[in-house]
PDB file of N, CA and C in Angstrom:
ATOM      1  N   MET A   1      23.140  57.960  61.656  1.00  0.00           N
ATOM      2  CA  MET A   1      23.856  58.854  62.610  1.00  0.00           C
ATOM      3  C   MET A   1      22.830  59.347  64.115  1.00  0.00           C
ATOM      4  N   THR A   2      23.473  59.676  65.233  1.00  0.00           N
ATOM      5  CA  THR A   2      23.011  59.719  66.406  1.00  0.00           C
ATOM      6  C   THR A   2      23.565  60.961  66.948  1.00  0.00           C
ATOM      7  N   ASP A   3      22.496  61.954  66.708  1.00  0.00           N
ATOM      8  CA  ASP A   3      23.045  63.259  67.435  1.00  0.00           C
ATOM      9  C   ASP A   3      22.858  62.812  68.964  1.00  0.00           C
ATOM     10  N   SER A   4      23.800  64.101  70.049  1.00  0.00           N
ATOM     11  CA  SER A   4      23.843  64.383  70.681  1.00  0.00           C
ATOM     12  C   SER A   4      24.150  65.682  71.500  1.00  0.00           C
ATOM     13  N   LEU A   5      23.026  66.107  72.413  1.00  0.00           N
ATOM     14  CA  LEU A   5      23.546  67.444  72.858  1.00  0.00           C
ATOM     15  C   LEU A   5      23.431  67.525  74.407  1.00  0.00           C
ATOM     16  N   VAL A   6      24.730  68.398  74.619  1.00  0.00           N
ATOM     17  CA  VAL A   6      25.119  68.702  75.838  1.00  0.00           C
ATOM     18  C   VAL A   6      25.362  70.255  76.335  1.00  0.00           C
ATOM     19  N   LEU A   7      24.085  70.592  77.571  1.00  0.00           N
ATOM     20  CA  LEU A   7      24.039  71.693  77.733  1.00  0.00           C
ATOM     21  C   LEU A   7      25.192  72.235  79.227  1.00  0.00           C
ATOM     22  N   GLU A   8      25.691  72.917  79.154  1.00  0.00           N
ATOM     23  CA  GLU A   8      27.107  73.445  80.081  1.00  0.00           C
ATOM     24  C   GLU A   8      26.738  74.737  80.704  1.00  0.00           C
ATOM     25  N   VAL A   9      27.218  74.547  82.262  1.00  0.00           N
ATOM     26  CA  VAL A   9      27.566  75.758  82.723  1.00  0.00           C
ATOM     27  C   VAL A   9      28.786  75.336  83.665  1.00  0.00           C
ATOM     28  N   ASN A  10      29.621  76.130  83.259  1.00  0.00           N
ATOM     29  CA  ASN A  10      30.902  75.839  83.841  1.00  0.00           C
ATOM     30  C   ASN A  10      31.554  77.185  84.994  1.00  0.00           C
ATOM     31  N   ASP A  11      32.021  76.538  85.724  1.00  0.00           N
ATOM     32  CA  ASP A  11      32.862  77.537  86.792  1.00  0.00           C
ATOM     33  C   ASP A  11      31.890  78.470  87.638  1.00  0.00           C
ATOM     34  N   LEU A  12      30.860  77.831  88.034  1.00  0.00           N
ATOM     35  CA  LEU A  12      30.067  78.888  89.319  1.00  0.00           C
ATOM     36  C   LEU A  12      30.767  78.874  90.156  1.00  0.00           C
ATOM     37  N   GLU A  13      31.205  79.567  90.777  1.00  0.00           N
ATOM     38  CA  GLU A  13      31.619  79.549  92.188  1.00  0.00           C
ATOM     39  C   GLU A  13      30.662  80.014  93.128  1.00  0.00           C
ATOM     40  N   VAL A  14      30.452  79.131  93.936  1.00  0.00           N
ATOM     41  CA  VAL A  14      29.165  78.988  95.162  1.00  0.00           C
ATOM     42  C   VAL A  14      29.206  78.800  96.709  1.00  0.00           C
ATOM     43  N   ASP A  15      29.355  79.247  97.748  1.00  0.00           N
ATOM     44  CA  ASP A  15      29.104  79.087  98.727  1.00  0.00           C
ATOM     45  C   ASP A  15      28.310  78.454  99.114  1.00  0.00           C
ATOM     46  N   VAL A  16      29.253  77.102  99.875  1.00  0.00           N
ATOM     47  CA  VAL A  16      27.962  75.989 100.355  1.00  0.00           C
ATOM     48  C   VAL A  16      28.894  75.521 101.806  1.00  0.00           C
ATOM     49  N   LEU A  17      27.726  75.226 102.689  1.00  0.00           N
ATOM     50  CA  LEU A  17      27.333  74.408 103.566  1.00  0.00           C
ATOM     51  C   LEU A  17      28.330  73.066 103.555  1.00  0.00           C
ATOM     52  N   THR A  18      29.741  72.697 103.578  1.00  0.00           N
ATOM     53  CA  THR A  18      30.046  71.617 103.439  1.00  0.00           C
ATOM     54  C   THR A  18      31.409  71.333 104.199  1.00  0.00           C
ATOM     55  N   GLY A  19      31.644  70.197 104.543  1.00  0.00           N
ATOM     56  CA  GLY A  19      32.815  69.631 105.001  1.00  0.00           C
ATOM     57  C   GLY A  19      32.826  68.646 106.600  1.00  0.00           C
ATOM     58  N   ILE A  20      34.190  68.297 106.738  1.00  0.00           N
ATOM     59  CA  ILE A  20      33.767  67.276 107.776  1.00  0.00           C
ATOM     60  C   ILE A  20      34.452  67.749 108.937  1.00  0.00           C
ATOM     61  N   TYR A  21      35.525  68.442 108.776  1.00  0.00           N
ATOM     62  CA  TYR A  21      36.372  68.780 109.694  1.00  0.00           C
ATOM     63  C   TYR A  21      35.970  69.958 110.355  1.00  0.00           C
ATOM     64  N   SER A  22      36.476  70.046 112.058  1.00  0.00           N
ATOM     65  CA  SER A  22      36.046  71.622 112.815  1.00  0.00           C
ATOM     66  C   SER A  22      35.913  72.393 112.157  1.00  0.00           C
ATOM     67  N   GLU A  23      37.639  72.829 111.497  1.00  0.00           N
ATOM     68  CA  GLU A  23      37.531  74.051 110.397  1.00  0.00           C
ATOM     69  C   GLU A  23      36.551  74.193 109.797  1.00  0.00           C
ATOM     70  N   GLU A  24      35.750  73.105 108.984  1.00  0.00           N
ATOM     71  CA  GLU A  24      35.207  73.327 107.794  1.00  0.00           C
ATOM     72  C   GLU A  24      33.478  73.859 108.085  1.00  0.00           C
ATOM     73  N   THR A  25      33.488  73.013 109.121  1.00  0.00           N
ATOM     74  CA  THR A  25      32.146  73.008 109.925  1.00  0.00           C
ATOM     75  C   THR A  25      31.450  74.214 110.529  1.00  0.00           C
ATOM     76  N   GLY A  26      30.197  74.634 109.866  1.00  0.00           N
ATOM     77  CA  GLY A  26      29.395  76.033 110.489  1.00  0.00           C
ATOM     78  C   GLY A  26      30.003  77.594 109.654  1.00  0.00           C
ATOM     79  N   LYS A  27      30.735  77.185 108.698  1.00  0.00           N
ATOM     80  CA  LYS A  27      30.815  78.179 107.634  1.00  0.00           C
ATOM     81  C   LYS A  27      30.945  77.742 105.819  1.00  0.00           C
ATOM     82  N   PRO A  28      30.478  78.677 105.451  1.00  0.00           N
ATOM     83  CA  PRO A  28      30.049  78.160 104.099  1.00  0.00           C
ATOM     84  C   PRO A  28      31.228  77.624 103.362  1.00  0.00           C
ATOM     85  N   GLN A  29      31.686  77.138 102.656  1.00  0.00           N
ATOM     86  CA  GLN A  29      33.359  77.076 101.767  1.00  0.00           C
ATOM     87  C   GLN A  29      33.197  77.161 100.476  1.00  0.00           C
ATOM     88  N   PRO A  30      33.990  78.126  99.750  1.00  0.00           N
ATOM     89  CA  PRO A  30      33.733  78.551  98.136  1.00  0.00           C
ATOM     90  C   PRO A  30      33.647  77.100  97.268  1.00  0.00           C
ATOM     91  N   LEU A  31      33.148  76.947  96.459  1.00  0.00           N
ATOM     92  CA  LEU A  31      33.440  75.728  95.463  1.00  0.00           C
ATOM     93  C   LEU A  31      33.223  76.354  94.398  1.00  0.00           C
ATOM     94  N   ARG A  32      33.928  75.461  93.308  1.00  0.00           N
ATOM     95  CA  ARG A  32      33.839  76.046  91.829  1.00  0.00           C
ATOM     96  C   ARG A  32      33.043  74.553  90.879  1.00  0.00           C
ATOM     97  N   ILE A  33      31.691  75.242  91.216  1.00  0.00           N
ATOM     98  CA  ILE A  33      31.075  73.817  90.098  1.00  0.00           C
ATOM     99  C   ILE A  33      30.573  74.176  88.449  1.00  0.00           C
ATOM    100  N   SER A  34      30.731  73.019  88.069  1.00  0.00           N
ATOM    101  CA  SER A  34      30.504  72.853  86.622  1.00  0.00           C
ATOM    102  C   SER A  34      29.602  71.410  86.259  1.00  0.00           C
ATOM    103  N   ILE A  35      28.657  72.032  85.384  1.00  0.00           N
ATOM    104  CA  ILE A  35      27.216  71.016  85.165  1.00  0.00           C
ATOM    105  C   ILE A  35      27.572  70.758  83.359  1.00  0.00           C
ATOM    106  N   ALA A  36      27.119  69.368  83.418  1.00  0.00           N
ATOM    107  CA  ALA A  36      26.730  69.316  81.914  1.00  0.00           C
ATOM    108  C   ALA A  36      25.945  68.324  81.967  1.00  0.00           C
ATOM    109  N   ALA A  37      24.924  68.382  81.118  1.00  0.00           N
ATOM    110  CA  ALA A  37      23.646  67.694  81.111  1.00  0.00           C
ATOM    111  C   ALA A  37      23.110  67.041  79.574  1.00  0.00           C
ATOM    112  N   ARG A  38      23.336  66.213  79.534  1.00  0.00           N
ATOM    113  CA  ARG A  38      22.637  65.212  77.988  1.00  0.00           C
ATOM    114  C   ARG A  38      21.480  65.123  77.566  1.00  0.00           C
ATOM    115  N   LEU A  39      21.070  65.632  76.839  1.00  0.00           N
ATOM    116  CA  LEU A  39      19.499  65.751  76.857  1.00  0.00           C
ATOM    117  C   LEU A  39      19.963  64.969  75.137  1.00  0.00           C
ATOM    118  N   GLU A  40      18.235  64.445  74.836  1.00  0.00           N
ATOM    119  CA  GLU A  40      18.270  63.468  73.637  1.00  0.00           C
ATOM    120  C   GLU A  40      17.503  65.396  73.044  1.00  0.00           C
ATOM    121  N   PRO A  41      18.433  65.377  71.734  1.00  0.00           N
ATOM    122  CA  PRO A  41      17.807  66.956  70.769  1.00  0.00           C
ATOM    123  C   PRO A  41      16.866  66.336  69.738  1.00  0.00           C
ATOM    124  N   SER A  42      16.351  67.628  69.464  1.00  0.00           N
ATOM    125  CA  SER A  42      15.284  67.734  68.474  1.00  0.00           C
ATOM    126  C   SER A  42      15.743  67.016  66.997  1.00  0.00           C
ATOM    127  N   ALA A  43      14.994  66.574  66.515  1.00  0.00           N
ATOM    128  CA  ALA A  43      15.537  66.184  64.946  1.00  0.00           C
ATOM    129  C   ALA A  43      16.634  67.370  64.239  1.00  0.00           C
ATOM    130  N   HIS A  44      16.083  68.460  64.498  1.00  0.00           N
ATOM    131  CA  HIS A  44      16.485  70.005  63.844  1.00  0.00           C
ATOM    132  C   HIS A  44      16.288  70.883  64.482  1.00  0.00           C
ATOM    133  N   PHE A  45      17.402  71.702  64.713  1.00  0.00           N
ATOM    134  CA  PHE A  45      17.058  73.013  65.157  1.00  0.00           C
ATOM    135  C   PHE A  45      17.098  74.335  64.108  1.00  0.00           C
ATOM    136  N   ALA A  46      16.360  74.818  63.949  1.00  0.00           N
ATOM    137  CA  ALA A  46      16.319  75.902  62.857  1.00  0.00           C
ATOM    138  C   ALA A  46      16.361  77.238  63.276  1.00  0.00           C
ATOM    139  N   PRO A  47      16.414  78.259  62.484  1.00  0.00           N
ATOM    140  CA  PRO A  47      16.728  79.564  63.627  1.00  0.00           C
ATOM    141  C   PRO A  47      15.113  79.981  64.611  1.00  0.00           C
ATOM    142  N   ASP A  48      14.388  79.195  64.100  1.00  0.00           N
ATOM    143  CA  ASP A  48      12.995  79.924  64.818  1.00  0.00           C
ATOM    144  C   ASP A  48      13.045  79.149  65.825  1.00  0.00           C
ATOM    145  N   THR A  49      13.468  77.966  66.304  1.00  0.00           N
ATOM    146  CA  THR A  49      13.173  77.202  67.255  1.00  0.00           C
ATOM    147  C   THR A  49      12.774  77.671  68.554  1.00  0.00           C
ATOM    148  N   HIS A  50      11.979  77.248  69.022  1.00  0.00           N
ATOM    149  CA  HIS A  50      11.457  77.732  70.444  1.00  0.00           C
ATOM    150  C   HIS A  50      12.446  77.123  71.434  1.00  0.00           C
ATOM    151  N   LEU A  51      12.816  77.304  72.685  1.00  0.00           N
ATOM    152  CA  LEU A  51      13.268  76.899  73.850  1.00  0.00           C
ATOM    153  C   LEU A  51      13.218  75.544  74.082  1.00  0.00           C
ATOM    154  N   ALA A  52      11.464  75.593  74.188  1.00  0.00           N
ATOM    155  CA  ALA A  52      10.662  74.572  74.563  1.00  0.00           C
ATOM    156  C   ALA A  52      11.402  72.781  74.226  1.00  0.00           C
ATOM    157  N   ALA A  53      12.283  73.296  72.940  1.00  0.00           N
ATOM    158  CA  ALA A  53      12.808  72.311  72.193  1.00  0.00           C
ATOM    159  C   ALA A  53      13.988  71.713  72.854  1.00  0.00           C
ATOM    160  N   SER A  54      14.819  72.509  73.844  1.00  0.00           N
ATOM    161  CA  SER A  54      15.710  72.172  74.442  1.00  0.00           C
ATOM    162  C   SER A  54      15.742  72.305  75.802  1.00  0.00           C
ATOM    163  N   LYS A  55      16.843  72.804  76.628  1.00  0.00           N
ATOM    164  CA  LYS A  55      16.461  73.013  78.023  1.00  0.00           C
ATOM    165  C   LYS A  55      17.221  74.512  78.575  1.00  0.00           C
ATOM    166  N   ASN A  56      16.649  75.062  79.241  1.00  0.00           N
ATOM    167  CA  ASN A  56      16.969  76.612  79.858  1.00  0.00           C
ATOM    168  C   ASN A  56      18.313  76.549  80.428  1.00  0.00           C
ATOM    169  N   TYR A  57      19.445  76.982  80.131  1.00  0.00           N
ATOM    170  CA  TYR A  57      20.770  76.613  80.817  1.00  0.00           C
ATOM    171  C   TYR A  57      20.923  77.234  82.483  1.00  0.00           C
ATOM    172  N   MET A  58      19.595  78.153  82.116  1.00  0.00           N
ATOM    173  CA  MET A  58      19.578  78.692  83.970  1.00  0.00           C
ATOM    174  C   MET A  58      18.830  77.621  85.018  1.00  0.00           C
ATOM    175  N   ASP A  59      18.215  76.701  84.096  1.00  0.00           N
ATOM    176  CA  ASP A  59      18.133  75.182  84.978  1.00  0.00           C
ATOM    177  C   ASP A  59      19.088  74.810  86.080  1.00  0.00           C
ATOM    178  N   LEU A  60      20.202  74.839  84.804  1.00  0.00           N
ATOM    179  CA  LEU A  60      21.422  74.159  85.318  1.00  0.00           C
ATOM    180  C   LEU A  60      22.060  74.992  86.360  1.00  0.00           C
ATOM    181  N   LYS A  61      22.386  76.324  86.092  1.00  0.00           N
ATOM    182  CA  LYS A  61      22.786  77.201  87.116  1.00  0.00           C
ATOM    183  C   LYS A  61      21.797  77.152  88.674  1.00  0.00           C
ATOM    184  N   PHE A  62      20.775  77.120  88.427  1.00  0.00           N
ATOM    185  CA  PHE A  62      19.862  77.501  89.280  1.00  0.00           C
ATOM    186  C   PHE A  62      20.088  76.148  90.477  1.00  0.00           C
ATOM    187  N   ALA A  63      20.121  74.909  89.768  1.00  0.00           N
ATOM    188  CA  ALA A  63      20.358  73.968  90.343  1.00  0.00           C
ATOM    189  C   ALA A  63      21.640  73.862  91.478  1.00  0.00           C
ATOM    190  N   ALA A  64      22.428  74.533  90.954  1.00  0.00           N
ATOM    191  CA  ALA A  64      24.038  74.476  91.983  1.00  0.00           C
ATOM    192  C   ALA A  64      23.958  75.666  92.676  1.00  0.00           C
ATOM    193  N   THR A  65      23.060  76.903  92.755  1.00  0.00           N
ATOM    194  CA  THR A  65      22.763  78.191  93.095  1.00  0.00           C
ATOM    195  C   THR A  65      21.235  77.655  94.113  1.00  0.00           C
ATOM    196  N   GLU A  66      20.765  78.715  93.872  1.00  0.00           N
ATOM    197  CA  GLU A  66      19.383  78.517  94.495  1.00  0.00           C
ATOM    198  C   GLU A  66      18.885  77.352  94.800  1.00  0.00           C
ATOM    199  N   GLY A  67      18.755  76.536  93.830  1.00  0.00           N
ATOM    200  CA  GLY A  67      18.430  74.958  94.607  1.00  0.00           C
ATOM    201  C   GLY A  67      18.924  73.703  95.082  1.00  0.00           C
ATOM    202  N   LEU A  68      20.422  74.520  95.829  1.00  0.00           N
ATOM    203  CA  LEU A  68      20.534  73.994  97.150  1.00  0.00           C
ATOM    204  C   LEU A  68      20.118  74.715  98.389  1.00  0.00           C
ATOM    205  N   PRO A  69      19.427  73.599  98.841  1.00  0.00           N
ATOM    206  CA  PRO A  69      18.392  73.746 100.331  1.00  0.00           C
ATOM    207  C   PRO A  69      19.493  74.833 101.479  1.00  0.00           C
ATOM    208  N   PRO A  70      19.145  76.002 101.745  1.00  0.00           N
ATOM    209  CA  PRO A  70      19.310  76.700 102.527  1.00  0.00           C
ATOM    210  C   PRO A  70      19.804  76.269 104.222  1.00  0.00           C
ATOM    211  N   GLY A  71      20.939  76.421 104.596  1.00  0.00           N
ATOM    212  CA  GLY A  71      20.844  76.102 105.763  1.00  0.00           C
ATOM    213  C   GLY A  71      21.572  74.790 106.064  1.00  0.00           C
ATOM    214  N   VAL A  72      21.493  73.864 105.331  1.00  0.00           N
ATOM    215  CA  VAL A  72      21.810  72.455 105.018  1.00  0.00           C
ATOM    216  C   VAL A  72      23.189  72.309 104.964  1.00  0.00           C
ATOM    217  N   HIS A  73      23.662  71.666 105.683  1.00  0.00           N
ATOM    218  CA  HIS A  73      25.448  71.156 106.088  1.00  0.00           C
ATOM    219  C   HIS A  73      25.447  69.796 105.002  1.00  0.00           C
ATOM    220  N   PHE A  74      25.973  69.679 104.251  1.00  0.00           N
ATOM    221  CA  PHE A  74      26.207  68.532 103.438  1.00  0.00           C
ATOM    222  C   PHE A  74      27.943  67.964 103.835  1.00  0.00           C
ATOM    223  N   LYS A  75      27.802  67.194 104.811  1.00  0.00           N
ATOM    224  CA  LYS A  75      29.215  66.541 105.118  1.00  0.00           C
ATOM    225  C   LYS A  75      30.015  66.354 103.582  1.00  0.00           C
ATOM    226  N   LEU A  76      29.594  65.474 102.603  1.00  0.00           N
ATOM    227  CA  LEU A  76      30.801  65.638 101.650  1.00  0.00           C
ATOM    228  C   LEU A  76      29.992  66.498 100.295  1.00  0.00           C
ATOM    229  N   ILE A  77      31.131  67.136  99.754  1.00  0.00           N
ATOM    230  CA  ILE A  77      31.051  67.581  98.194  1.00  0.00           C
ATOM    231  C   ILE A  77      30.013  66.442  97.131  1.00  0.00           C
ATOM    232  N   GLU A  78      30.347  65.414  97.392  1.00  0.00           N
ATOM    233  CA  GLU A  78      30.019  63.951  96.713  1.00  0.00           C
ATOM    234  C   GLU A  78      28.254  64.608  96.982  1.00  0.00           C
ATOM    235  N   ALA A  79      27.504  64.679  98.201  1.00  0.00           N
ATOM    236  CA  ALA A  79      26.137  64.734  98.342  1.00  0.00           C
ATOM    237  C   ALA A  79      25.722  66.153  97.684  1.00  0.00           C
ATOM    238  N   VAL A  80      26.686  67.191  97.783  1.00  0.00           N
ATOM    239  CA  VAL A  80      26.127  68.438  96.947  1.00  0.00           C
ATOM    240  C   VAL A  80      25.896  68.260  95.409  1.00  0.00           C
ATOM    241  N   ALA A  81      26.745  66.973  94.913  1.00  0.00           N
ATOM    242  CA  ALA A  81      27.007  66.902  93.524  1.00  0.00           C
ATOM    243  C   ALA A  81      25.771  66.325  93.475  1.00  0.00           C
ATOM    244  N   ASP A  82      25.166  65.198  94.247  1.00  0.00           N
ATOM    245  CA  ASP A  82      24.432  64.211  93.991  1.00  0.00           C
ATOM    246  C   ASP A  82      22.762  64.995  93.883  1.00  0.00           C
ATOM    247  N   HIS A  83      22.904  65.977  94.641  1.00  0.00           N
ATOM    248  CA  HIS A  83      21.867  66.933  95.094  1.00  0.00           C
ATOM    249  C   HIS A  83      21.512  67.502  93.464  1.00  0.00           C
ATOM    250  N   ILE A  84      22.624  68.492  93.051  1.00  0.00           N
ATOM    251  CA  ILE A  84      22.690  68.990  91.999  1.00  0.00           C
ATOM    252  C   ILE A  84      22.494  68.228  90.803  1.00  0.00           C
ATOM    253  N   CYS A  85      22.462  66.757  90.555  1.00  0.00           N
ATOM    254  CA  CYS A  85      22.489  65.977  89.719  1.00  0.00           C
ATOM    255  C   CYS A  85      20.604  65.633  89.461  1.00  0.00           C
ATOM    256  N   GLU A  86      20.432  65.282  90.881  1.00  0.00           N
ATOM    257  CA  GLU A  86      18.817  65.107  91.139  1.00  0.00           C
ATOM    258  C   GLU A  86      18.022  66.283  90.247  1.00  0.00           C
ATOM    259  N   THR A  87      18.560  67.646  91.087  1.00  0.00           N
ATOM    260  CA  THR A  87      17.310  68.735  90.639  1.00  0.00           C
ATOM    261  C   THR A  87      17.489  69.147  89.005  1.00  0.00           C
ATOM    262  N   VAL A  88      18.740  68.866  88.355  1.00  0.00           N
ATOM    263  CA  VAL A  88      18.657  68.917  87.278  1.00  0.00           C
ATOM    264  C   VAL A  88      17.824  67.689  86.126  1.00  0.00           C
ATOM    265  N   MET A  89      17.917  66.357  86.600  1.00  0.00           N
ATOM    266  CA  MET A  89      16.887  65.252  86.317  1.00  0.00           C
ATOM    267  C   MET A  89      15.695  65.849  86.445  1.00  0.00           C
ATOM    268  N   ILE A  90      15.037  65.883  87.603  1.00  0.00           N
ATOM    269  CA  ILE A  90      13.735  65.684  88.038  1.00  0.00           C
ATOM    270  C   ILE A  90      12.762  66.721  87.214  1.00  0.00           C
ATOM    271  N   GLY A  91      11.825  65.932  86.792  1.00  0.00           N
ATOM    272  CA  GLY A  91      11.131  66.497  85.799  1.00  0.00           C
ATOM    273  C   GLY A  91      11.035  66.755  84.297  1.00  0.00           C
ATOM    274  N   ASP A  92      12.087  66.446  83.961  1.00  0.00           N
ATOM    275  CA  ASP A  92      12.559  66.684  82.740  1.00  0.00           C
ATOM    276  C   ASP A  92      12.996  65.178  82.135  1.00  0.00           C
ATOM    277  N   PRO A  93      12.406  64.387  81.663  1.00  0.00           N
ATOM    278  CA  PRO A  93      12.850  63.016  81.362  1.00  0.00           C
ATOM    279  C   PRO A  93      13.938  62.878  79.981  1.00  0.00           C
ATOM    280  N   ARG A  94      14.062  64.307  79.609  1.00  0.00           N
ATOM    281  CA  ARG A  94      14.847  64.159  78.290  1.00  0.00           C
ATOM    282  C   ARG A  94      16.141  64.250  78.603  1.00  0.00           C
ATOM    283  N   VAL A  95      16.444  65.014  79.816  1.00  0.00           N
ATOM    284  CA  VAL A  95      17.565  64.613  80.432  1.00  0.00           C
ATOM    285  C   VAL A  95      17.948  63.399  80.519  1.00  0.00           C
ATOM    286  N   GLY A  96      19.162  62.855  80.217  1.00  0.00           N
ATOM    287  CA  GLY A  96      19.601  61.179  79.848  1.00  0.00           C
ATOM    288  C   GLY A  96      20.748  61.332  80.910  1.00  0.00           C
ATOM    289  N   ALA A  97      21.531  62.414  81.275  1.00  0.00           N
ATOM    290  CA  ALA A  97      22.919  62.489  81.814  1.00  0.00           C
ATOM    291  C   ALA A  97      23.361  63.385  82.497  1.00  0.00           C
ATOM    292  N   VAL A  98      23.665  63.660  83.518  1.00  0.00           N
ATOM    293  CA  VAL A  98      24.208  64.894  84.295  1.00  0.00           C
ATOM    294  C   VAL A  98      25.672  64.540  84.596  1.00  0.00           C
ATOM    295  N   THR A  99      26.536  65.322  84.471  1.00  0.00           N
ATOM    296  CA  THR A  99      27.822  65.074  85.042  1.00  0.00           C
ATOM    297  C   THR A  99      27.908  66.716  85.988  1.00  0.00           C
ATOM    298  N   VAL A 100      28.115  66.594  87.130  1.00  0.00           N
ATOM    299  CA  VAL A 100      28.734  67.693  88.007  1.00  0.00           C
ATOM    300  C   VAL A 100      30.051  67.508  88.448  1.00  0.00           C
ATOM    301  N   LYS A 101      31.442  68.495  88.132  1.00  0.00           N
ATOM    302  CA  LYS A 101      32.626  68.574  88.915  1.00  0.00           C
ATOM    303  C   LYS A 101      32.502  69.941  89.696  1.00  0.00           C
ATOM    304  N   ILE A 102      32.704  69.609  90.813  1.00  0.00           N
ATOM    305  CA  ILE A 102      33.229  70.498  92.174  1.00  0.00           C
ATOM    306  C   ILE A 102      34.816  70.539  92.463  1.00  0.00           C
ATOM    307  N   VAL A 103      35.356  71.462  92.795  1.00  0.00           N
ATOM    308  CA  VAL A 103      36.560  71.836  92.826  1.00  0.00           C
ATOM    309  C   VAL A 103      36.403  72.624  94.650  1.00  0.00           C
ATOM    310  N   LYS A 104      37.221  72.141  95.401  1.00  0.00           N
ATOM    311  CA  LYS A 104      37.346  72.625  96.645  1.00  0.00           C
ATOM    312  C   LYS A 104      37.941  74.216  96.742  1.00  0.00           C
ATOM    313  N   LEU A 105      37.419  75.122  96.531  1.00  0.00           N
ATOM    314  CA  LEU A 105      38.794  76.256  96.285  1.00  0.00           C
ATOM    315  C   LEU A 105      39.471  76.533  97.887  1.00  0.00           C
ATOM    316  N   ALA A 106      38.851  76.457  98.723  1.00  0.00           N
ATOM    317  CA  ALA A 106      39.641  77.002 100.003  1.00  0.00           C
ATOM    318  C   ALA A 106      40.776  75.858 100.240  1.00  0.00           C
ATOM    319  N   ILE A 107      41.056  74.700  99.868  1.00  0.00           N
ATOM    320  CA  ILE A 107      41.924  73.880 100.374  1.00  0.00           C
ATOM    321  C   ILE A 107      43.281  73.626  99.145  1.00  0.00           C
ATOM    322  N   ALA A 108      42.954  74.259  98.491  1.00  0.00           N
ATOM    323  CA  ALA A 108      44.016  74.578  97.124  1.00  0.00           C
ATOM    324  C   ALA A 108      45.239  75.392  97.984  1.00  0.00           C
ATOM    325  N   GLU A 109      46.499  75.117  97.358  1.00  0.00           N
ATOM    326  CA  GLU A 109      47.689  75.594  98.343  1.00  0.00           C
ATOM    327  C   GLU A 109      48.509  76.110  97.320  1.00  0.00           C
ATOM    328  N   ALA A 110      48.594  75.641  95.763  1.00  0.00           N
ATOM    329  CA  ALA A 110      49.386  76.200  94.447  1.00  0.00           C
ATOM    330  C   ALA A 110      48.167  76.372  93.289  1.00  0.00           C
ATOM    331  N   GLY A 111      47.014  76.558  93.736  1.00  0.00           N
ATOM    332  CA  GLY A 111      46.196  76.745  92.423  1.00  0.00           C
ATOM    333  C   GLY A 111      45.834  75.261  91.747  1.00  0.00           C
ATOM    334  N   GLU A 112      46.054  73.803  92.621  1.00  0.00           N
ATOM    335  CA  GLU A 112      45.655  73.012  92.106  1.00  0.00           C
ATOM    336  C   GLU A 112      44.040  72.846  91.948  1.00  0.00           C
ATOM    337  N   GLN A 113      43.818  71.676  91.546  1.00  0.00           N
ATOM    338  CA  GLN A 113      42.075  71.727  91.597  1.00  0.00           C
ATOM    339  C   GLN A 113      41.801  70.717  92.614  1.00  0.00           C
ATOM    340  N   ILE A 114      41.694  70.264  93.591  1.00  0.00           N
ATOM    341  CA  ILE A 114      40.916  69.435  94.412  1.00  0.00           C
ATOM    342  C   ILE A 114      39.482  69.276  94.250  1.00  0.00           C
ATOM    343  N   GLY A 115      39.618  68.042  94.209  1.00  0.00           N
ATOM    344  CA  GLY A 115      37.543  68.122  94.020  1.00  0.00           C
ATOM    345  C   GLY A 115      37.118  66.845  93.528  1.00  0.00           C
ATOM    346  N   MET A 116      35.831  66.537  92.898  1.00  0.00           N
ATOM    347  CA  MET A 116      35.485  65.470  92.559  1.00  0.00           C
ATOM    348  C   MET A 116      34.683  65.763  91.064  1.00  0.00           C
ATOM    349  N   THR A 117      34.091  64.545  90.646  1.00  0.00           N
ATOM    350  CA  THR A 117      33.341  64.478  89.390  1.00  0.00           C
ATOM    351  C   THR A 117      32.119  63.395  89.348  1.00  0.00           C
ATOM    352  N   LEU A 118      30.850  64.006  89.311  1.00  0.00           N
ATOM    353  CA  LEU A 118      29.849  62.368  89.850  1.00  0.00           C
ATOM    354  C   LEU A 118      29.020  62.396  88.161  1.00  0.00           C
ATOM    355  N   HIS A 119      29.117  61.419  88.149  1.00  0.00           N
ATOM    356  CA  HIS A 119      28.082  61.252  86.243  1.00  0.00           C
ATOM    357  C   HIS A 119      27.190  60.614  86.710  1.00  0.00           C
ATOM    358  N   ARG A 120      25.668  60.668  86.366  1.00  0.00           N
ATOM    359  CA  ARG A 120      24.735  60.098  86.425  1.00  0.00           C
ATOM    360  C   ARG A 120      23.899  59.914  85.286  1.00  0.00           C
ATOM    361  N   GLU A 121      23.781  58.681  85.028  1.00  0.00           N
ATOM    362  CA  GLU A 121      23.084  58.620  83.813  1.00  0.00           C
ATOM    363  C   GLU A 121      21.594  58.011  84.568  1.00  0.00           C
ATOM    364  N   ARG A 122      20.482  58.391  83.629  1.00  0.00           N
ATOM    365  CA  ARG A 122      19.087  57.938  83.899  1.00  0.00           C
ATOM    366  C   ARG A 122      18.827  56.739  83.981  1.00  0.00           C
ATOM    367  N   ARG A 123      18.437  56.181  85.095  1.00  0.00           N
ATOM    368  CA  ARG A 123      17.882  54.702  85.061  1.00  0.00           C
ATOM    369  C   ARG A 123      16.734  54.594  84.528  1.00  0.00           C
TER     370      ARG A 123
END
């Protein structure tokens, strides 16, 4: 039997400089960002297992908030997702894969979710 551990942070609403159209550039757009990171789990999680045996969920949240460089305009939300993937994976070889889903809230007209999902496996 093989175990898999997926840490998740879902539905963060973050204002990000992104877009290619004139009405989008120069001002932040609201994005809904969800992140899932697959880790190789410890053999067993006992009640007193220390946080070092896993990854802090706040690392995922940081990658989508303070981890995005201030003042940088991302033309594509795919580039935002790429940056988040790299931020989550860097410095933690236990992270085997990251999935980032981004929904552009400003372009929805009837509550639909318009966006993309990027899944990256460690190479």
